mmCIF file of all heavy atoms, coordinates in Angstrom:
data_MODEL
# 
_entry.id   MODEL 
# 
loop_
_atom_site.group_PDB 
_atom_site.id 
_atom_site.type_symbol 
_atom_site.label_atom_id 
_atom_site.label_alt_id 
_atom_site.label_comp_id 
_atom_site.label_asym_id 
_atom_site.label_entity_id 
_atom_site.label_seq_id 
_atom_site.pdbx_PDB_ins_code 
_atom_site.Cartn_x 
_atom_site.Cartn_y 
_atom_site.Cartn_z 
_atom_site.occupancy 
_atom_site.B_iso_or_equiv 
_atom_site.pdbx_formal_charge 
_atom_site.auth_seq_id 
_atom_site.auth_comp_id 
_atom_site.auth_asym_id 
_atom_site.auth_atom_id 
_atom_site.pdbx_PDB_model_num 
ATOM 1   N N   . ARG A 1 1  ? -12.492 1.179  11.042 1.00 0.00 ? 1  ARG A N   1 
ATOM 2   C CA  . ARG A 1 1  ? -13.882 1.361  10.622 1.00 0.00 ? 1  ARG A CA  1 
ATOM 3   C C   . ARG A 1 1  ? -14.727 0.194  11.063 1.00 0.00 ? 1  ARG A C   1 
ATOM 4   O O   . ARG A 1 1  ? -14.229 -0.931 11.212 1.00 0.00 ? 1  ARG A O   1 
ATOM 5   C CB  . ARG A 1 1  ? -13.963 1.549  9.104  1.00 0.00 ? 1  ARG A CB  1 
ATOM 6   C CG  . ARG A 1 1  ? -13.617 0.327  8.270  1.00 0.00 ? 1  ARG A CG  1 
ATOM 7   C CD  . ARG A 1 1  ? -13.623 0.695  6.790  1.00 0.00 ? 1  ARG A CD  1 
ATOM 8   N NE  . ARG A 1 1  ? -13.417 -0.486 5.946  1.00 0.00 ? 1  ARG A NE  1 
ATOM 9   C CZ  . ARG A 1 1  ? -13.318 -0.431 4.624  1.00 0.00 ? 1  ARG A CZ  1 
ATOM 10  N NH1 . ARG A 1 1  ? -13.404 0.742  3.988  1.00 0.00 ? 1  ARG A NH1 1 
ATOM 11  N NH2 . ARG A 1 1  ? -13.134 -1.535 3.933  1.00 0.00 ? 1  ARG A NH2 1 
ATOM 12  N N   . GLN A 1 2  ? -16.009 0.500  11.255 1.00 0.00 ? 2  GLN A N   1 
ATOM 13  C CA  . GLN A 1 2  ? -16.945 -0.523 11.699 1.00 0.00 ? 2  GLN A CA  1 
ATOM 14  C C   . GLN A 1 2  ? -18.238 -0.386 10.924 1.00 0.00 ? 2  GLN A C   1 
ATOM 15  O O   . GLN A 1 2  ? -18.928 0.636  11.039 1.00 0.00 ? 2  GLN A O   1 
ATOM 16  C CB  . GLN A 1 2  ? -17.201 -0.414 13.203 1.00 0.00 ? 2  GLN A CB  1 
ATOM 17  C CG  . GLN A 1 2  ? -18.023 -1.541 13.772 1.00 0.00 ? 2  GLN A CG  1 
ATOM 18  C CD  . GLN A 1 2  ? -18.003 -1.575 15.285 1.00 0.00 ? 2  GLN A CD  1 
ATOM 19  O OE1 . GLN A 1 2  ? -17.661 -0.585 15.943 1.00 0.00 ? 2  GLN A OE1 1 
ATOM 20  N NE2 . GLN A 1 2  ? -18.325 -2.711 15.867 1.00 0.00 ? 2  GLN A NE2 1 
ATOM 21  N N   . ALA A 1 3  ? -18.540 -1.398 10.133 1.00 0.00 ? 3  ALA A N   1 
ATOM 22  C CA  . ALA A 1 3  ? -19.793 -1.442 9.391  1.00 0.00 ? 3  ALA A CA  1 
ATOM 23  C C   . ALA A 1 3  ? -20.876 -2.044 10.286 1.00 0.00 ? 3  ALA A C   1 
ATOM 24  O O   . ALA A 1 3  ? -20.561 -2.760 11.246 1.00 0.00 ? 3  ALA A O   1 
ATOM 25  C CB  . ALA A 1 3  ? -19.619 -2.263 8.128  1.00 0.00 ? 3  ALA A CB  1 
ATOM 26  N N   . PRO A 1 4  ? -22.134 -1.784 9.992  1.00 0.00 ? 4  PRO A N   1 
ATOM 27  C CA  . PRO A 1 4  ? -23.219 -2.316 10.827 1.00 0.00 ? 4  PRO A CA  1 
ATOM 28  C C   . PRO A 1 4  ? -23.140 -3.836 10.948 1.00 0.00 ? 4  PRO A C   1 
ATOM 29  O O   . PRO A 1 4  ? -23.010 -4.545 9.946  1.00 0.00 ? 4  PRO A O   1 
ATOM 30  C CB  . PRO A 1 4  ? -24.474 -1.888 10.062 1.00 0.00 ? 4  PRO A CB  1 
ATOM 31  C CG  . PRO A 1 4  ? -24.064 -0.682 9.304  1.00 0.00 ? 4  PRO A CG  1 
ATOM 32  C CD  . PRO A 1 4  ? -22.632 -0.924 8.914  1.00 0.00 ? 4  PRO A CD  1 
ATOM 33  N N   . GLY A 1 5  ? -23.185 -4.312 12.174 1.00 0.00 ? 5  GLY A N   1 
ATOM 34  C CA  . GLY A 1 5  ? -23.175 -5.746 12.432 1.00 0.00 ? 5  GLY A CA  1 
ATOM 35  C C   . GLY A 1 5  ? -21.826 -6.420 12.277 1.00 0.00 ? 5  GLY A C   1 
ATOM 36  O O   . GLY A 1 5  ? -21.735 -7.650 12.334 1.00 0.00 ? 5  GLY A O   1 
ATOM 37  N N   . LYS A 1 6  ? -20.782 -5.631 12.075 1.00 0.00 ? 6  LYS A N   1 
ATOM 38  C CA  . LYS A 1 6  ? -19.456 -6.206 11.879 1.00 0.00 ? 6  LYS A CA  1 
ATOM 39  C C   . LYS A 1 6  ? -18.484 -5.696 12.932 1.00 0.00 ? 6  LYS A C   1 
ATOM 40  O O   . LYS A 1 6  ? -18.751 -4.732 13.639 1.00 0.00 ? 6  LYS A O   1 
ATOM 41  C CB  . LYS A 1 6  ? -18.942 -5.888 10.475 1.00 0.00 ? 6  LYS A CB  1 
ATOM 42  C CG  . LYS A 1 6  ? -19.775 -6.509 9.365  1.00 0.00 ? 6  LYS A CG  1 
ATOM 43  C CD  . LYS A 1 6  ? -19.107 -6.355 8.014  1.00 0.00 ? 6  LYS A CD  1 
ATOM 44  C CE  . LYS A 1 6  ? -19.904 -7.064 6.938  1.00 0.00 ? 6  LYS A CE  1 
ATOM 45  N NZ  . LYS A 1 6  ? -19.250 -6.937 5.602  1.00 0.00 ? 6  LYS A NZ  1 
ATOM 46  N N   . GLN A 1 7  ? -17.340 -6.338 13.008 1.00 0.00 ? 7  GLN A N   1 
ATOM 47  C CA  . GLN A 1 7  ? -16.324 -5.919 13.967 1.00 0.00 ? 7  GLN A CA  1 
ATOM 48  C C   . GLN A 1 7  ? -15.599 -4.690 13.447 1.00 0.00 ? 7  GLN A C   1 
ATOM 49  O O   . GLN A 1 7  ? -15.684 -4.350 12.275 1.00 0.00 ? 7  GLN A O   1 
ATOM 50  C CB  . GLN A 1 7  ? -15.317 -7.053 14.182 1.00 0.00 ? 7  GLN A CB  1 
ATOM 51  C CG  . GLN A 1 7  ? -14.472 -7.389 12.948 1.00 0.00 ? 7  GLN A CG  1 
ATOM 52  C CD  . GLN A 1 7  ? -13.524 -8.546 13.203 1.00 0.00 ? 7  GLN A CD  1 
ATOM 53  O OE1 . GLN A 1 7  ? -13.695 -9.334 14.121 1.00 0.00 ? 7  GLN A OE1 1 
ATOM 54  N NE2 . GLN A 1 7  ? -12.502 -8.646 12.372 1.00 0.00 ? 7  GLN A NE2 1 
ATOM 55  N N   . ARG A 1 8  ? -14.903 -4.031 14.362 1.00 0.00 ? 8  ARG A N   1 
ATOM 56  C CA  . ARG A 1 8  ? -14.113 -2.867 13.986 1.00 0.00 ? 8  ARG A CA  1 
ATOM 57  C C   . ARG A 1 8  ? -12.812 -3.340 13.338 1.00 0.00 ? 8  ARG A C   1 
ATOM 58  O O   . ARG A 1 8  ? -12.080 -4.143 13.912 1.00 0.00 ? 8  ARG A O   1 
ATOM 59  C CB  . ARG A 1 8  ? -13.814 -2.024 15.228 1.00 0.00 ? 8  ARG A CB  1 
ATOM 60  C CG  . ARG A 1 8  ? -13.201 -0.673 14.929 1.00 0.00 ? 8  ARG A CG  1 
ATOM 61  C CD  . ARG A 1 8  ? -13.090 0.172  16.191 1.00 0.00 ? 8  ARG A CD  1 
ATOM 62  N NE  . ARG A 1 8  ? -14.401 0.489  16.760 1.00 0.00 ? 8  ARG A NE  1 
ATOM 63  C CZ  . ARG A 1 8  ? -14.570 1.334  17.770 1.00 0.00 ? 8  ARG A CZ  1 
ATOM 64  N NH1 . ARG A 1 8  ? -13.529 1.946  18.320 1.00 0.00 ? 8  ARG A NH1 1 
ATOM 65  N NH2 . ARG A 1 8  ? -15.781 1.560  18.237 1.00 0.00 ? 8  ARG A NH2 1 
ATOM 66  N N   . ASP A 1 9  ? -12.536 -2.836 12.153 1.00 0.00 ? 9  ASP A N   1 
ATOM 67  C CA  . ASP A 1 9  ? -11.372 -3.273 11.385 1.00 0.00 ? 9  ASP A CA  1 
ATOM 68  C C   . ASP A 1 9  ? -10.353 -2.146 11.204 1.00 0.00 ? 9  ASP A C   1 
ATOM 69  O O   . ASP A 1 9  ? -10.719 -0.986 11.049 1.00 0.00 ? 9  ASP A O   1 
ATOM 70  C CB  . ASP A 1 9  ? -11.794 -3.764 9.989  1.00 0.00 ? 9  ASP A CB  1 
ATOM 71  C CG  . ASP A 1 9  ? -12.592 -5.051 10.035 1.00 0.00 ? 9  ASP A CG  1 
ATOM 72  O OD1 . ASP A 1 9  ? -12.339 -5.881 10.935 1.00 0.00 ? 9  ASP A OD1 1 
ATOM 73  O OD2 . ASP A 1 9  ? -13.468 -5.232 9.163  1.00 0.00 ? 9  ASP A OD2 1 
ATOM 74  N N   . PHE A 1 10 ? -9.116  -2.527 11.167 1.00 0.00 ? 10 PHE A N   1 
ATOM 75  C CA  . PHE A 1 10 ? -8.016  -1.603 10.918 1.00 0.00 ? 10 PHE A CA  1 
ATOM 76  C C   . PHE A 1 10 ? -8.073  -1.102 9.474  1.00 0.00 ? 10 PHE A C   1 
ATOM 77  O O   . PHE A 1 10 ? -8.344  -1.866 8.540  1.00 0.00 ? 10 PHE A O   1 
ATOM 78  C CB  . PHE A 1 10 ? -6.696  -2.320 11.180 1.00 0.00 ? 10 PHE A CB  1 
ATOM 79  C CG  . PHE A 1 10 ? -5.479  -1.558 10.755 1.00 0.00 ? 10 PHE A CG  1 
ATOM 80  C CD1 . PHE A 1 10 ? -5.007  -0.485 11.513 1.00 0.00 ? 10 PHE A CD1 1 
ATOM 81  C CD2 . PHE A 1 10 ? -4.785  -1.910 9.607  1.00 0.00 ? 10 PHE A CD2 1 
ATOM 82  C CE1 . PHE A 1 10 ? -3.890  0.212  11.135 1.00 0.00 ? 10 PHE A CE1 1 
ATOM 83  C CE2 . PHE A 1 10 ? -3.655  -1.217 9.223  1.00 0.00 ? 10 PHE A CE2 1 
ATOM 84  C CZ  . PHE A 1 10 ? -3.202  -0.150 9.987  1.00 0.00 ? 10 PHE A CZ  1 
ATOM 85  N N   . VAL A 1 11 ? -7.810  0.199  9.303  1.00 0.00 ? 11 VAL A N   1 
ATOM 86  C CA  . VAL A 1 11 ? -7.752  0.780  7.960  1.00 0.00 ? 11 VAL A CA  1 
ATOM 87  C C   . VAL A 1 11 ? -6.328  1.203  7.622  1.00 0.00 ? 11 VAL A C   1 
ATOM 88  O O   . VAL A 1 11 ? -5.770  0.791  6.612  1.00 0.00 ? 11 VAL A O   1 
ATOM 89  C CB  . VAL A 1 11 ? -8.705  1.979  7.835  1.00 0.00 ? 11 VAL A CB  1 
ATOM 90  C CG1 . VAL A 1 11 ? -8.555  2.639  6.467  1.00 0.00 ? 11 VAL A CG1 1 
ATOM 91  C CG2 . VAL A 1 11 ? -10.149 1.558  8.075  1.00 0.00 ? 11 VAL A CG2 1 
ATOM 92  N N   . ALA A 1 12 ? -5.758  2.061  8.466  1.00 0.00 ? 12 ALA A N   1 
ATOM 93  C CA  . ALA A 1 12 ? -4.407  2.558  8.216  1.00 0.00 ? 12 ALA A CA  1 
ATOM 94  C C   . ALA A 1 12 ? -3.880  3.237  9.466  1.00 0.00 ? 12 ALA A C   1 
ATOM 95  O O   . ALA A 1 12 ? -4.653  3.676  10.321 1.00 0.00 ? 12 ALA A O   1 
ATOM 96  C CB  . ALA A 1 12 ? -4.397  3.539  7.045  1.00 0.00 ? 12 ALA A CB  1 
ATOM 97  N N   . SER A 1 13 ? -2.544  3.325  9.553  1.00 0.00 ? 13 SER A N   1 
ATOM 98  C CA  . SER A 1 13 ? -1.918  4.023  10.673 1.00 0.00 ? 13 SER A CA  1 
ATOM 99  C C   . SER A 1 13 ? -0.639  4.682  10.214 1.00 0.00 ? 13 SER A C   1 
ATOM 100 O O   . SER A 1 13 ? -0.061  4.317  9.179  1.00 0.00 ? 13 SER A O   1 
ATOM 101 C CB  . SER A 1 13 ? -1.633  3.072  11.838 1.00 0.00 ? 13 SER A CB  1 
ATOM 102 O OG  . SER A 1 13 ? -0.666  2.124  11.468 1.00 0.00 ? 13 SER A OG  1 
ATOM 103 N N   . ILE A 1 14 ? -0.192  5.657  11.018 1.00 0.00 ? 14 ILE A N   1 
ATOM 104 C CA  . ILE A 1 14 ? 1.032   6.381  10.703 1.00 0.00 ? 14 ILE A CA  1 
ATOM 105 C C   . ILE A 1 14 ? 1.675   6.832  12.006 1.00 0.00 ? 14 ILE A C   1 
ATOM 106 O O   . ILE A 1 14 ? 0.994   7.314  12.912 1.00 0.00 ? 14 ILE A O   1 
ATOM 107 C CB  . ILE A 1 14 ? 0.738   7.578  9.766  1.00 0.00 ? 14 ILE A CB  1 
ATOM 108 C CG1 . ILE A 1 14 ? 2.022   8.294  9.362  1.00 0.00 ? 14 ILE A CG1 1 
ATOM 109 C CG2 . ILE A 1 14 ? -0.261  8.550  10.391 1.00 0.00 ? 14 ILE A CG2 1 
ATOM 110 C CD1 . ILE A 1 14 ? 1.824   9.307  8.229  1.00 0.00 ? 14 ILE A CD1 1 
ATOM 111 N N   . THR A 1 15 ? 2.984   6.670  12.097 1.00 0.00 ? 15 THR A N   1 
ATOM 112 C CA  . THR A 1 15 ? 3.706   7.098  13.293 1.00 0.00 ? 15 THR A CA  1 
ATOM 113 C C   . THR A 1 15 ? 4.146   8.550  13.149 1.00 0.00 ? 15 THR A C   1 
ATOM 114 O O   . THR A 1 15 ? 4.058   9.150  12.067 1.00 0.00 ? 15 THR A O   1 
ATOM 115 C CB  . THR A 1 15 ? 4.946   6.231  13.520 1.00 0.00 ? 15 THR A CB  1 
ATOM 116 O OG1 . THR A 1 15 ? 5.903   6.503  12.479 1.00 0.00 ? 15 THR A OG1 1 
ATOM 117 C CG2 . THR A 1 15 ? 4.606   4.745  13.508 1.00 0.00 ? 15 THR A CG2 1 
ATOM 118 N N   . THR A 1 16 ? 4.644   9.112  14.236 1.00 0.00 ? 16 THR A N   1 
ATOM 119 C CA  . THR A 1 16 ? 5.137   10.482 14.181 1.00 0.00 ? 16 THR A CA  1 
ATOM 120 C C   . THR A 1 16 ? 6.325   10.611 13.235 1.00 0.00 ? 16 THR A C   1 
ATOM 121 O O   . THR A 1 16 ? 6.567   11.687 12.687 1.00 0.00 ? 16 THR A O   1 
ATOM 122 C CB  . THR A 1 16 ? 5.551   10.968 15.573 1.00 0.00 ? 16 THR A CB  1 
ATOM 123 O OG1 . THR A 1 16 ? 6.268   9.945  16.260 1.00 0.00 ? 16 THR A OG1 1 
ATOM 124 C CG2 . THR A 1 16 ? 4.338   11.345 16.410 1.00 0.00 ? 16 THR A CG2 1 
ATOM 125 N N   . SER A 1 17 ? 7.042   9.517  13.000 1.00 0.00 ? 17 SER A N   1 
ATOM 126 C CA  . SER A 1 17 ? 8.170   9.552  12.077 1.00 0.00 ? 17 SER A CA  1 
ATOM 127 C C   . SER A 1 17 ? 7.754   9.313  10.633 1.00 0.00 ? 17 SER A C   1 
ATOM 128 O O   . SER A 1 17 ? 8.600   9.365  9.734  1.00 0.00 ? 17 SER A O   1 
ATOM 129 C CB  . SER A 1 17 ? 9.227   8.529  12.494 1.00 0.00 ? 17 SER A CB  1 
ATOM 130 O OG  . SER A 1 17 ? 8.678   7.227  12.485 1.00 0.00 ? 17 SER A OG  1 
ATOM 131 N N   . GLY A 1 18 ? 6.467   9.043  10.410 1.00 0.00 ? 18 GLY A N   1 
ATOM 132 C CA  . GLY A 1 18 ? 5.961   8.912  9.054  1.00 0.00 ? 18 GLY A CA  1 
ATOM 133 C C   . GLY A 1 18 ? 5.844   7.496  8.524  1.00 0.00 ? 18 GLY A C   1 
ATOM 134 O O   . GLY A 1 18 ? 5.462   7.293  7.367  1.00 0.00 ? 18 GLY A O   1 
ATOM 135 N N   . SER A 1 19 ? 6.141   6.515  9.344  1.00 0.00 ? 19 SER A N   1 
ATOM 136 C CA  . SER A 1 19 ? 5.980   5.126  8.907  1.00 0.00 ? 19 SER A CA  1 
ATOM 137 C C   . SER A 1 19 ? 4.494   4.776  8.858  1.00 0.00 ? 19 SER A C   1 
ATOM 138 O O   . SER A 1 19 ? 3.764   5.043  9.815  1.00 0.00 ? 19 SER A O   1 
ATOM 139 C CB  . SER A 1 19 ? 6.699   4.184  9.863  1.00 0.00 ? 19 SER A CB  1 
ATOM 140 O OG  . SER A 1 19 ? 8.083   4.410  9.829  1.00 0.00 ? 19 SER A OG  1 
ATOM 141 N N   . THR A 1 20 ? 4.088   4.183  7.762  1.00 0.00 ? 20 THR A N   1 
ATOM 142 C CA  . THR A 1 20 ? 2.665   3.882  7.570  1.00 0.00 ? 20 THR A CA  1 
ATOM 143 C C   . THR A 1 20 ? 2.418   2.383  7.460  1.00 0.00 ? 20 THR A C   1 
ATOM 144 O O   . THR A 1 20 ? 3.306   1.595  7.109  1.00 0.00 ? 20 THR A O   1 
ATOM 145 C CB  . THR A 1 20 ? 2.119   4.570  6.317  1.00 0.00 ? 20 THR A CB  1 
ATOM 146 O OG1 . THR A 1 20 ? 2.815   4.071  5.165  1.00 0.00 ? 20 THR A OG1 1 
ATOM 147 C CG2 . THR A 1 20 ? 2.290   6.074  6.386  1.00 0.00 ? 20 THR A CG2 1 
ATOM 148 N N   . SER A 1 21 ? 1.189   2.042  7.770  1.00 0.00 ? 21 SER A N   1 
ATOM 149 C CA  . SER A 1 21 ? 0.705   0.684  7.589  1.00 0.00 ? 21 SER A CA  1 
ATOM 150 C C   . SER A 1 21 ? -0.738  0.801  7.125  1.00 0.00 ? 21 SER A C   1 
ATOM 151 O O   . SER A 1 21 ? -1.463  1.691  7.578  1.00 0.00 ? 21 SER A O   1 
ATOM 152 C CB  . SER A 1 21 ? 0.790   -0.084 8.902  1.00 0.00 ? 21 SER A CB  1 
ATOM 153 O OG  . SER A 1 21 ? 0.313   -1.402 8.746  1.00 0.00 ? 21 SER A OG  1 
ATOM 154 N N   . ASP A 1 22 ? -1.149  -0.076 6.208  1.00 0.00 ? 22 ASP A N   1 
ATOM 155 C CA  . ASP A 1 22 ? -2.533  0.013  5.745  1.00 0.00 ? 22 ASP A CA  1 
ATOM 156 C C   . ASP A 1 22 ? -3.081  -1.363 5.396  1.00 0.00 ? 22 ASP A C   1 
ATOM 157 O O   . ASP A 1 22 ? -2.344  -2.278 5.045  1.00 0.00 ? 22 ASP A O   1 
ATOM 158 C CB  . ASP A 1 22 ? -2.650  0.966  4.554  1.00 0.00 ? 22 ASP A CB  1 
ATOM 159 C CG  . ASP A 1 22 ? -1.663  0.648  3.465  1.00 0.00 ? 22 ASP A CG  1 
ATOM 160 O OD1 . ASP A 1 22 ? -1.929  -0.267 2.680  1.00 0.00 ? 22 ASP A OD1 1 
ATOM 161 O OD2 . ASP A 1 22 ? -0.623  1.321  3.415  1.00 0.00 ? 22 ASP A OD2 1 
ATOM 162 N N   . ALA A 1 23 ? -4.385  -1.454 5.500  1.00 0.00 ? 23 ALA A N   1 
ATOM 163 C CA  . ALA A 1 23 ? -5.068  -2.707 5.222  1.00 0.00 ? 23 ALA A CA  1 
ATOM 164 C C   . ALA A 1 23 ? -5.249  -2.894 3.727  1.00 0.00 ? 23 ALA A C   1 
ATOM 165 O O   . ALA A 1 23 ? -5.270  -1.929 2.956  1.00 0.00 ? 23 ALA A O   1 
ATOM 166 C CB  . ALA A 1 23 ? -6.428  -2.715 5.925  1.00 0.00 ? 23 ALA A CB  1 
ATOM 167 N N   . ASP A 1 24 ? -5.404  -4.141 3.320  1.00 0.00 ? 24 ASP A N   1 
ATOM 168 C CA  . ASP A 1 24 ? -5.586  -4.443 1.898  1.00 0.00 ? 24 ASP A CA  1 
ATOM 169 C C   . ASP A 1 24 ? -6.839  -3.785 1.338  1.00 0.00 ? 24 ASP A C   1 
ATOM 170 O O   . ASP A 1 24 ? -6.885  -3.421 0.160  1.00 0.00 ? 24 ASP A O   1 
ATOM 171 C CB  . ASP A 1 24 ? -5.665  -5.958 1.695  1.00 0.00 ? 24 ASP A CB  1 
ATOM 172 C CG  . ASP A 1 24 ? -4.329  -6.640 1.900  1.00 0.00 ? 24 ASP A CG  1 
ATOM 173 O OD1 . ASP A 1 24 ? -3.287  -5.947 1.866  1.00 0.00 ? 24 ASP A OD1 1 
ATOM 174 O OD2 . ASP A 1 24 ? -4.319  -7.872 2.093  1.00 0.00 ? 24 ASP A OD2 1 
# 
């Protein structure tokens, strides 16, 4: 996600095998 005037930040991801990662 990218808010106005800010850098693009990671939110969450998931692999085809279902492993997830997410931001605080």
